[in-house]
């Protein structure tokens, strides 16, 4: 009989994610834990649009696994302003926490 190889299970730890956000670095451990209680775990399918340019944002995203492709464009697909790929451990959406961004 063969023995299955052990697998690594990633456990979602919201406080660890929040510690990565530079603008939250001034918070105490207690304050981070209070913020973490408001966090929700969300899974996105490959190719799913998480948020669109110009949409009102109210979320901070911590990428736990996979890659996140971000593209800023104005108007048509051929008018791409910038694009980047975020890797696990990255955060995005922090500007939405500060209010409208132009």
Protein backbone atom coordinates (compact mmCIF):
# COMPACT_ATOMS: atom_id res chain seq x y z
CA UNK A 1 0.00 0.00 0.00
CA UNK A 2 1.28 3.46 -0.82
CA UNK A 3 1.22 6.32 1.62
CA UNK A 4 -0.02 9.70 0.44
CA UNK A 5 2.38 12.61 0.69
CA UNK A 6 1.40 15.16 3.34
CA UNK A 7 -0.04 18.35 1.92
CA UNK A 8 0.31 21.88 3.18
CA UNK A 9 -2.96 23.57 4.05
CA UNK A 10 -2.98 27.34 3.99
CA UNK A 11 -5.03 28.78 6.82
CA UNK A 12 -6.47 32.24 6.36
CA UNK A 13 -5.20 34.51 9.11
CA UNK A 14 -6.72 37.99 8.65
CA UNK A 15 -4.46 39.65 11.24
CA UNK A 16 -1.38 38.45 9.31
CA UNK A 17 -2.83 39.91 6.10
CA UNK A 18 -3.57 43.25 7.76
CA UNK A 19 -0.04 43.47 9.15
CA UNK A 20 1.22 43.63 5.54
CA UNK A 21 -0.69 46.85 4.85
CA UNK A 22 1.73 49.70 5.42
CA UNK A 23 -0.94 52.27 6.28
CA UNK A 24 -2.21 49.96 9.05
CA UNK A 25 1.26 49.56 10.58
CA UNK A 26 0.44 52.17 13.23
CA UNK A 27 -2.34 50.01 14.68
CA UNK A 28 -1.82 48.02 17.84
CA UNK A 29 -2.31 44.26 17.92
CA UNK A 30 -5.68 44.82 19.59
CA UNK A 31 -6.77 47.25 16.86
CA UNK A 32 -5.63 44.85 14.12
CA UNK A 33 -7.65 42.08 15.74
CA UNK A 34 -10.72 44.36 15.81
CA UNK A 35 -10.24 45.06 12.08
CA UNK A 36 -9.72 41.35 11.40
CA UNK A 37 -13.11 40.53 12.90
CA UNK A 38 -14.66 42.57 10.07
CA UNK A 39 -12.78 40.62 7.37
CA UNK A 40 -14.41 38.13 5.04
CA UNK A 41 -12.74 35.34 3.12
CA UNK A 42 -13.57 35.46 -0.58
CA UNK A 43 -12.58 33.09 -3.36
CA UNK A 44 -12.47 34.31 -6.96
CA UNK A 45 -12.60 32.15 -10.06
CA UNK A 46 -9.90 32.41 -12.71
CA UNK A 47 -10.69 35.37 -14.96
CA UNK A 48 -13.31 36.80 -12.60
CA UNK A 49 -13.44 40.60 -12.36
CA UNK A 50 -13.16 41.52 -8.68
CA UNK A 51 -13.70 45.24 -9.16
CA UNK A 52 -13.77 47.59 -12.11
CA UNK A 53 -12.10 50.91 -12.74
CA UNK A 54 -14.18 53.80 -11.49
CA UNK A 55 -16.32 51.67 -9.18
CA UNK A 56 -16.73 52.92 -5.63
CA UNK A 57 -14.53 50.77 -3.46
CA UNK A 58 -14.94 49.83 0.16
CA UNK A 59 -12.67 46.81 0.46
CA UNK A 60 -9.06 45.94 1.05
CA UNK A 61 -7.94 42.73 -0.65
CA UNK A 62 -5.15 40.50 0.67
CA UNK A 63 -4.06 37.95 -1.91
CA UNK A 64 -3.53 34.60 -0.19
CA UNK A 65 -3.01 32.32 -3.17
CA UNK A 66 -2.74 32.58 -6.93
CA UNK A 67 -2.04 35.69 -8.99
CA UNK A 68 -4.13 38.81 -9.48
CA UNK A 69 -3.91 40.66 -12.79
CA UNK A 70 -4.65 44.38 -12.52
CA UNK A 71 -5.20 46.46 -15.61
CA UNK A 72 -6.03 50.16 -15.75
CA UNK A 73 -7.46 51.36 -19.00
CA UNK A 74 -9.30 54.36 -20.33
CA UNK A 75 -12.03 53.66 -22.81
CA UNK A 76 -11.21 50.78 -25.10
CA UNK A 77 -9.12 47.65 -24.58
CA UNK A 78 -6.45 49.12 -26.88
CA UNK A 79 -6.04 52.14 -24.58
CA UNK A 80 -4.38 50.36 -21.61
CA UNK A 81 -2.70 52.80 -19.19
CA UNK A 82 -0.94 50.28 -16.94
CA UNK A 83 -1.00 46.68 -15.87
CA UNK A 84 0.63 44.56 -13.21
CA UNK A 85 0.42 41.15 -11.62
CA UNK A 86 0.13 40.77 -7.85
CA UNK A 87 1.51 37.67 -6.15
CA UNK A 88 0.47 35.97 -2.90
CA UNK A 89 1.04 38.28 0.06
CA UNK A 90 0.18 41.41 -1.92
CA UNK A 91 -2.61 43.79 -0.96
CA UNK A 92 -4.76 46.07 -3.09
CA UNK A 93 -7.78 48.29 -2.60
CA UNK A 94 -6.23 50.24 0.26
CA UNK A 95 -6.99 53.55 -1.47
CA UNK A 96 -10.70 52.76 -1.19
CA UNK A 97 -10.36 52.85 2.58
CA UNK A 98 -9.29 56.50 2.37
CA UNK A 99 -12.18 57.71 0.24
CA UNK A 100 -12.69 58.59 -3.42
CA UNK A 101 -9.55 58.40 -5.55
CA UNK A 102 -9.12 60.13 -8.89
